[in-house]
Structure formats: structure tokens, C-alpha cells
Amino acid sequence: MISHKQNTNNDYYNGLAKLFLQFEPIIEDLTQLLKACNSPITSDTELEVRMKIIDELFSYAKTEDDLPALFAHMITDRVYEYEQKNLNIPTVKPSEALAFFMQERKIKQKDLSEIAPQNVISEILNEKRKMTVEQIKGFANFFGVPETTFLG
């Protein structure tokens, strides 16, 4: 005799089986996607593949909460882990980082006046003054980079 609990479990497992049968045409793609989300990256070639997957997923996402974006963020975590272990990112002085972003984006000192007066920015660029915490936050926000970029 089958108890109600066993019957409920059987229904659940039968439902899962039916669900997986519906996924059968795309199961290999889903498997690859889940591996990309969960498996560590072991080479630069793998890194390139994951970056392409991230770009592709974001191209399908309309918002950050869409399923493709959520998968892309999971893969981004693997990219971050790989880069932390394998990339030697040189440490640059905060003044060098600021000068780089200003030059790259054709920003003038006066364009940053909401963060600091021109004379202060000049002193920072010439390493005569250190950035304050508020300035670090302001520059990071303005240039869309992590605050650590300006910590040196």
C-alpha cells in the first residue's frame, strides 16, 4: 500500500521527469550554460569564451533582473575569480589613474569641479596633495570605476 506521502513524492518526481523531457531539445545548451556559471576558468582561451557568452547573454536581457542577465552575472563571478588569480594588474598611483581617465575621456579639470576645485585637482595630478575619501568616491562615480582604482 502506497502512503499519501509516497504518492506525493512520486508525483513530484514524475513532474520533474516530465519537465526534463520538455528541456531535452536544449539540455546540452543548458548544461554548457550551467558549467559556464559554475566551473572555474582555467585558461585565457576559456576566459575569452566566457566573455563572449556574457556579451551574448546581456544582448538578450532587457533589465538586470532578466534571466539572461542573472546567468551573465554568475559567469562574471568566474571571470573575476580567474582574473584575481591570474592577472597581474599593476598598481598605479591615484594621480596616474585620474590623469589616465581624464586623458582617455577628454575631461578637463573644470569638468570635475563638482568633485574638487581646479587647483585641488591640479595638486592631486602633480602629487602635491592626496585625494580625500569624498574625492575618491566622486572620481569613481564620475568615471564609473571601482573606488579602489584611486587608492593606489
C-alpha atoms as a PDB file:
ATOM      1  CA  MET A   1       0.000   0.000   0.000  1.00  0.00           C
ATOM      2  CA  ILE A   2       1.359   3.434  -1.012  1.00  0.00           C
ATOM      3  CA  SER A   3       1.027   6.171   1.548  1.00  0.00           C
ATOM      4  CA  HIS A   4      -0.117   9.686   0.666  1.00  0.00           C
ATOM      5  CA  LYS A   5       3.420  10.995   1.268  1.00  0.00           C
ATOM      6  CA  GLN A   6       4.944   8.421  -1.094  1.00  0.00           C
ATOM      7  CA  ASN A   7       2.287   9.239  -3.688  1.00  0.00           C
ATOM      8  CA  THR A   8       3.081  12.959  -3.372  1.00  0.00           C
ATOM      9  CA  ASN A   9       6.814  12.218  -3.774  1.00  0.00           C
ATOM     10  CA  ASN A  10       6.097  10.079  -6.825  1.00  0.00           C
ATOM     11  CA  ASP A  11       4.002  12.890  -8.333  1.00  0.00           C
ATOM     12  CA  TYR A  12       6.824  15.324  -7.669  1.00  0.00           C
ATOM     13  CA  TYR A  13       9.447  13.088  -9.303  1.00  0.00           C
ATOM     14  CA  ASN A  14       7.162  12.321 -12.238  1.00  0.00           C
ATOM     15  CA  GLY A  15       6.633  16.055 -12.652  1.00  0.00           C
ATOM     16  CA  LEU A  16      10.394  16.612 -12.660  1.00  0.00           C
ATOM     17  CA  ALA A  17      10.836  13.850 -15.219  1.00  0.00           C
ATOM     18  CA  LYS A  18       8.238  15.480 -17.479  1.00  0.00           C
ATOM     19  CA  LEU A  19       9.920  18.859 -17.034  1.00  0.00           C
ATOM     20  CA  PHE A  20      13.307  17.446 -18.055  1.00  0.00           C
ATOM     21  CA  LEU A  21      11.741  15.773 -21.077  1.00  0.00           C
ATOM     22  CA  GLN A  22      10.477  19.208 -22.163  1.00  0.00           C
ATOM     23  CA  PHE A  23      14.039  20.520 -21.845  1.00  0.00           C
ATOM     24  CA  GLU A  24      15.526  17.633 -23.810  1.00  0.00           C
ATOM     25  CA  PRO A  25      15.967  19.624 -27.060  1.00  0.00           C
ATOM     26  CA  ILE A  26      18.033  22.268 -25.221  1.00  0.00           C
ATOM     27  CA  ILE A  27      19.514  20.192 -22.395  1.00  0.00           C
ATOM     28  CA  GLU A  28      23.037  20.260 -23.865  1.00  0.00           C
ATOM     29  CA  ASP A  29      22.930  24.063 -24.163  1.00  0.00           C
ATOM     30  CA  LEU A  30      21.624  24.369 -20.601  1.00  0.00           C
ATOM     31  CA  THR A  31      24.353  22.042 -19.372  1.00  0.00           C
ATOM     32  CA  GLN A  32      27.015  24.186 -21.061  1.00  0.00           C
ATOM     33  CA  LEU A  33      25.462  27.346 -19.619  1.00  0.00           C
ATOM     34  CA  LEU A  34      25.418  25.930 -16.092  1.00  0.00           C
ATOM     35  CA  LYS A  35      29.036  24.794 -16.460  1.00  0.00           C
ATOM     36  CA  ALA A  36      29.980  28.308 -17.593  1.00  0.00           C
ATOM     37  CA  CYS A  37      28.248  29.684 -14.489  1.00  0.00           C
ATOM     38  CA  ASN A  38      29.792  27.266 -12.009  1.00  0.00           C
ATOM     39  CA  SER A  39      33.093  25.893 -13.323  1.00  0.00           C
ATOM     40  CA  PRO A  40      36.310  27.777 -12.659  1.00  0.00           C
ATOM     41  CA  ILE A  41      38.080  29.251 -15.678  1.00  0.00           C
ATOM     42  CA  THR A  42      41.413  27.524 -16.260  1.00  0.00           C
ATOM     43  CA  SER A  43      42.917  29.310 -19.283  1.00  0.00           C
ATOM     44  CA  ASP A  44      42.896  32.540 -21.245  1.00  0.00           C
ATOM     45  CA  THR A  45      41.095  30.739 -24.077  1.00  0.00           C
ATOM     46  CA  GLU A  46      38.335  29.729 -21.678  1.00  0.00           C
ATOM     47  CA  LEU A  47      38.235  33.306 -20.436  1.00  0.00           C
ATOM     48  CA  GLU A  48      37.600  34.565 -23.977  1.00  0.00           C
ATOM     49  CA  VAL A  49      34.777  32.054 -24.437  1.00  0.00           C
ATOM     50  CA  ARG A  50      33.144  33.104 -21.176  1.00  0.00           C
ATOM     51  CA  MET A  51      33.406  36.777 -22.124  1.00  0.00           C
ATOM     52  CA  LYS A  52      31.608  36.034 -25.402  1.00  0.00           C
ATOM     53  CA  ILE A  53      28.890  34.161 -23.506  1.00  0.00           C
ATOM     54  CA  ILE A  54      28.468  37.123 -21.153  1.00  0.00           C
ATOM     55  CA  ASP A  55      28.107  39.510 -24.099  1.00  0.00           C
ATOM     56  CA  GLU A  56      25.583  37.218 -25.750  1.00  0.00           C
ATOM     57  CA  LEU A  57      23.525  36.844 -22.584  1.00  0.00           C
ATOM     58  CA  PHE A  58      23.438  40.589 -21.960  1.00  0.00           C
ATOM     59  CA  SER A  59      22.291  41.126 -25.543  1.00  0.00           C
ATOM     60  CA  TYR A  60      19.106  39.186 -24.675  1.00  0.00           C
ATOM     61  CA  ALA A  61      18.480  40.871 -21.323  1.00  0.00           C
ATOM     62  CA  LYS A  62      16.151  43.841 -21.139  1.00  0.00           C
ATOM     63  CA  THR A  63      16.849  44.502 -17.446  1.00  0.00           C
ATOM     64  CA  GLU A  64      19.378  43.414 -14.827  1.00  0.00           C
ATOM     65  CA  ASP A  65      16.715  41.105 -13.378  1.00  0.00           C
ATOM     66  CA  ASP A  66      16.095  39.159 -16.593  1.00  0.00           C
ATOM     67  CA  LEU A  67      17.235  35.540 -16.584  1.00  0.00           C
ATOM     68  CA  PRO A  68      19.988  36.085 -19.191  1.00  0.00           C
ATOM     69  CA  ALA A  69      21.460  38.912 -17.096  1.00  0.00           C
ATOM     70  CA  LEU A  70      21.366  36.745 -13.973  1.00  0.00           C
ATOM     71  CA  PHE A  71      23.288  33.998 -15.792  1.00  0.00           C
ATOM     72  CA  ALA A  72      25.742  36.599 -17.135  1.00  0.00           C
ATOM     73  CA  HIS A  73      26.412  37.847 -13.608  1.00  0.00           C
ATOM     74  CA  MET A  74      27.121  34.312 -12.421  1.00  0.00           C
ATOM     75  CA  ILE A  75      29.679  33.877 -15.209  1.00  0.00           C
ATOM     76  CA  THR A  76      31.153  37.270 -14.368  1.00  0.00           C
ATOM     77  CA  ASP A  77      31.902  35.883 -10.903  1.00  0.00           C
ATOM     78  CA  ARG A  78      34.025  33.136 -12.537  1.00  0.00           C
ATOM     79  CA  VAL A  79      35.811  35.767 -14.647  1.00  0.00           C
ATOM     80  CA  TYR A  80      36.561  37.829 -11.544  1.00  0.00           C
ATOM     81  CA  GLU A  81      37.951  34.763  -9.747  1.00  0.00           C
ATOM     82  CA  TYR A  82      40.183  33.927 -12.707  1.00  0.00           C
ATOM     83  CA  GLU A  83      41.457  37.482 -13.051  1.00  0.00           C
ATOM     84  CA  GLN A  84      42.228  37.721  -9.337  1.00  0.00           C
ATOM     85  CA  LYS A  85      44.384  34.584  -9.567  1.00  0.00           C
ATOM     86  CA  ASN A  86      45.980  35.060 -12.963  1.00  0.00           C
ATOM     87  CA  LEU A  87      46.257  38.702 -13.909  1.00  0.00           C
ATOM     88  CA  ASN A  88      48.967  40.930 -12.596  1.00  0.00           C
ATOM     89  CA  ILE A  89      47.200  44.231 -12.568  1.00  0.00           C
ATOM     90  CA  PRO A  90      49.805  46.894 -11.971  1.00  0.00           C
ATOM     91  CA  THR A  91      49.291  49.227  -9.066  1.00  0.00           C
ATOM     92  CA  VAL A  92      49.148  52.823 -10.211  1.00  0.00           C
ATOM     93  CA  LYS A  93      49.201  55.979  -8.188  1.00  0.00           C
ATOM     94  CA  PRO A  94      45.824  57.675  -7.721  1.00  0.00           C
ATOM     95  CA  SER A  95      47.152  60.691  -9.635  1.00  0.00           C
ATOM     96  CA  GLU A  96      48.122  58.443 -12.567  1.00  0.00           C
ATOM     97  CA  ALA A  97      44.699  56.822 -12.606  1.00  0.00           C
ATOM     98  CA  LEU A  98      42.999  60.217 -12.591  1.00  0.00           C
ATOM     99  CA  ALA A  99      45.278  61.533 -15.356  1.00  0.00           C
ATOM    100  CA  PHE A 100      44.613  58.422 -17.438  1.00  0.00           C
ATOM    101  CA  PHE A 101      40.828  58.685 -17.203  1.00  0.00           C
ATOM    102  CA  MET A 102      40.886  62.407 -17.865  1.00  0.00           C
ATOM    103  CA  GLN A 103      43.020  61.966 -20.971  1.00  0.00           C
ATOM    104  CA  GLU A 104      41.132  58.897 -22.210  1.00  0.00           C
ATOM    105  CA  ARG A 105      37.766  60.640 -21.932  1.00  0.00           C
ATOM    106  CA  LYS A 106      38.988  64.116 -22.822  1.00  0.00           C
ATOM    107  CA  ILE A 107      37.926  65.512 -19.448  1.00  0.00           C
ATOM    108  CA  LYS A 108      39.265  68.863 -18.295  1.00  0.00           C
ATOM    109  CA  GLN A 109      39.884  69.817 -14.676  1.00  0.00           C
ATOM    110  CA  LYS A 110      36.955  72.227 -14.774  1.00  0.00           C
ATOM    111  CA  ASP A 111      34.670  69.298 -15.759  1.00  0.00           C
ATOM    112  CA  LEU A 112      35.403  67.802 -12.345  1.00  0.00           C
ATOM    113  CA  SER A 113      34.571  70.945 -10.371  1.00  0.00           C
ATOM    114  CA  GLU A 114      31.701  69.245  -8.515  1.00  0.00           C
ATOM    115  CA  ILE A 115      34.236  66.839  -7.026  1.00  0.00           C
ATOM    116  CA  ALA A 116      37.063  69.287  -6.309  1.00  0.00           C
ATOM    117  CA  PRO A 117      38.166  72.787  -7.336  1.00  0.00           C
ATOM    118  CA  GLN A 118      40.560  73.050 -10.285  1.00  0.00           C
ATOM    119  CA  ASN A 119      43.529  73.978  -8.103  1.00  0.00           C
ATOM    120  CA  VAL A 120      42.974  70.892  -5.922  1.00  0.00           C
ATOM    121  CA  ILE A 121      42.719  68.619  -8.961  1.00  0.00           C
ATOM    122  CA  SER A 122      45.936  70.156 -10.265  1.00  0.00           C
ATOM    123  CA  GLU A 123      47.666  69.466  -6.943  1.00  0.00           C
ATOM    124  CA  ILE A 124      46.390  65.864  -6.994  1.00  0.00           C
ATOM    125  CA  LEU A 125      47.648  65.370 -10.558  1.00  0.00           C
ATOM    126  CA  ASN A 126      51.049  66.814  -9.566  1.00  0.00           C
ATOM    127  CA  GLU A 127      51.141  64.623  -6.436  1.00  0.00           C
ATOM    128  CA  LYS A 128      51.242  67.614  -4.110  1.00  0.00           C
ATOM    129  CA  ARG A 129      48.002  66.539  -2.445  1.00  0.00           C
ATOM    130  CA  LYS A 130      46.316  63.228  -1.684  1.00  0.00           C
ATOM    131  CA  MET A 131      42.706  62.559  -2.568  1.00  0.00           C
ATOM    132  CA  THR A 132      40.163  62.675   0.227  1.00  0.00           C
ATOM    133  CA  VAL A 133      37.684  59.852   0.713  1.00  0.00           C
ATOM    134  CA  GLU A 134      34.925  62.041  -0.754  1.00  0.00           C
ATOM    135  CA  GLN A 135      37.064  62.840  -3.795  1.00  0.00           C
ATOM    136  CA  ILE A 136      37.864  59.156  -4.325  1.00  0.00           C
ATOM    137  CA  LYS A 137      34.142  58.373  -4.230  1.00  0.00           C
ATOM    138  CA  GLY A 138      33.379  61.279  -6.538  1.00  0.00           C
ATOM    139  CA  PHE A 139      36.013  60.332  -9.142  1.00  0.00           C
ATOM    140  CA  ALA A 140      34.985  56.671  -9.027  1.00  0.00           C
ATOM    141  CA  ASN A 141      31.344  57.611  -9.559  1.00  0.00           C
ATOM    142  CA  PHE A 142      32.167  60.127 -12.300  1.00  0.00           C
ATOM    143  CA  PHE A 143      34.321  57.685 -14.280  1.00  0.00           C
ATOM    144  CA  GLY A 144      32.219  54.603 -13.460  1.00  0.00           C
ATOM    145  CA  VAL A 145      35.077  52.630 -11.917  1.00  0.00           C
ATOM    146  CA  PRO A 146      35.586  50.995  -8.515  1.00  0.00           C
ATOM    147  CA  GLU A 147      36.767  53.244  -5.720  1.00  0.00           C
ATOM    148  CA  THR A 148      39.842  51.041  -5.348  1.00  0.00           C
ATOM    149  CA  THR A 149      41.050  52.465  -8.691  1.00  0.00           C
ATOM    150  CA  PHE A 150      42.017  55.632  -6.851  1.00  0.00           C
ATOM    151  CA  LEU A 151      43.529  54.037  -3.758  1.00  0.00           C
ATOM    152  CA  GLY A 152      46.891  53.203  -5.311  1.00  0.00           C
END
